[in-house]
Amino acid sequence: MTVMKKKTQILATEDDLLLDLTFHSVPASLLSEFAEKIVKPYYRGNLNAAIQDLLHKTIAEQDFVLSHITHIKSAEV
């Protein structure tokens, strides 16, 4: 008699899912300026950390704006 152990599949959370990004049609001058003015002084040259932080801040700002629009619309009614 063979007993098979039930396999538990562990799903990765969103934070565990990593992907590679490719940007198209971004001027080299814009990337150079971003690296020089932001990445070098504030992220010790870590472009990956700088872009992640930029994305997080952009999402937070969008959430803030949307919450205020919703608040203003509900106040008008």
Protein backbone atom coordinates (compact mmCIF):
# COMPACT_ATOMS: atom_id res chain seq x y z
CA MET A 1 0.00 0.00 0.00
CA THR A 2 1.43 3.33 -1.04
CA VAL A 3 0.43 6.48 0.78
CA MET A 4 0.84 9.69 -1.17
CA LYS A 5 1.39 12.86 0.78
CA LYS A 6 -0.80 15.74 -0.18
CA LYS A 7 1.35 18.41 -1.78
CA THR A 8 0.63 21.92 -0.65
CA GLN A 9 1.09 24.46 -3.35
CA ILE A 10 2.49 27.69 -2.01
CA LEU A 11 1.41 30.67 -4.03
CA ALA A 12 3.64 33.70 -4.14
CA THR A 13 2.25 36.96 -2.88
CA GLU A 14 2.37 39.96 -5.19
CA ASP A 15 5.48 41.21 -3.41
CA ASP A 16 7.26 37.96 -4.27
CA LEU A 17 6.54 38.18 -7.98
CA LEU A 18 9.42 39.86 -9.73
CA LEU A 19 9.54 40.75 -13.38
CA ASP A 20 11.86 42.45 -15.79
CA LEU A 21 10.69 45.63 -17.48
CA THR A 22 11.70 47.05 -20.81
CA PHE A 23 11.03 50.67 -21.63
CA HIS A 24 10.61 51.74 -25.24
CA SER A 25 11.00 55.20 -26.74
CA VAL A 26 12.46 56.77 -23.60
CA PRO A 27 15.06 59.38 -24.50
CA ALA A 28 18.54 58.52 -23.26
CA SER A 29 18.86 62.10 -22.03
CA LEU A 30 15.85 61.64 -19.73
CA LEU A 31 17.27 58.45 -18.26
CA SER A 32 20.70 60.07 -17.84
CA GLU A 33 19.19 63.08 -16.09
CA PHE A 34 17.12 60.82 -13.82
CA ALA A 35 20.23 58.80 -12.95
CA GLU A 36 22.33 61.92 -12.32
CA LYS A 37 19.79 63.96 -10.33
CA ILE A 38 17.85 61.25 -8.50
CA VAL A 39 19.47 57.83 -8.58
CA LYS A 40 23.05 58.81 -7.77
CA PRO A 41 22.47 61.16 -4.84
CA TYR A 42 19.38 59.61 -3.23
CA TYR A 43 19.67 55.90 -4.03
CA ARG A 44 23.45 55.44 -4.12
CA GLY A 45 23.24 54.56 -7.79
CA ASN A 46 20.58 51.86 -7.33
CA LEU A 47 18.34 52.43 -10.36
CA ASN A 48 16.08 49.50 -9.42
CA ALA A 49 15.32 50.98 -5.97
CA ALA A 50 14.73 54.43 -7.47
CA ILE A 51 12.20 53.13 -10.00
CA GLN A 52 10.42 51.03 -7.38
CA ASP A 53 10.16 54.05 -5.10
CA LEU A 54 8.92 56.20 -7.98
CA LEU A 55 6.20 53.65 -8.77
CA HIS A 56 5.13 53.37 -5.11
CA LYS A 57 4.95 57.15 -4.74
CA THR A 58 3.00 57.51 -7.98
CA ILE A 59 0.41 54.96 -6.84
CA ALA A 60 0.12 56.65 -3.43
CA GLU A 61 -0.37 60.04 -5.09
CA GLN A 62 -3.01 58.60 -7.42
CA ASP A 63 -4.87 57.09 -4.43
CA PHE A 64 -4.70 60.46 -2.67
CA VAL A 65 -6.10 62.32 -5.70
CA LEU A 66 -8.88 59.78 -6.22
CA SER A 67 -9.89 59.92 -2.55
CA HIS A 68 -10.16 63.71 -2.74
CA ILE A 69 -12.18 63.62 -5.97
CA THR A 70 -14.57 61.13 -4.35
CA HIS A 71 -14.77 63.32 -1.25
CA ILE A 72 -15.50 66.45 -3.30
CA LYS A 73 -18.13 64.69 -5.43
CA SER A 74 -19.91 63.31 -2.36
CA ALA A 75 -19.85 66.78 -0.72
CA GLU A 76 -21.53 68.31 -3.80
CA VAL A 77 -24.52 65.97 -3.60
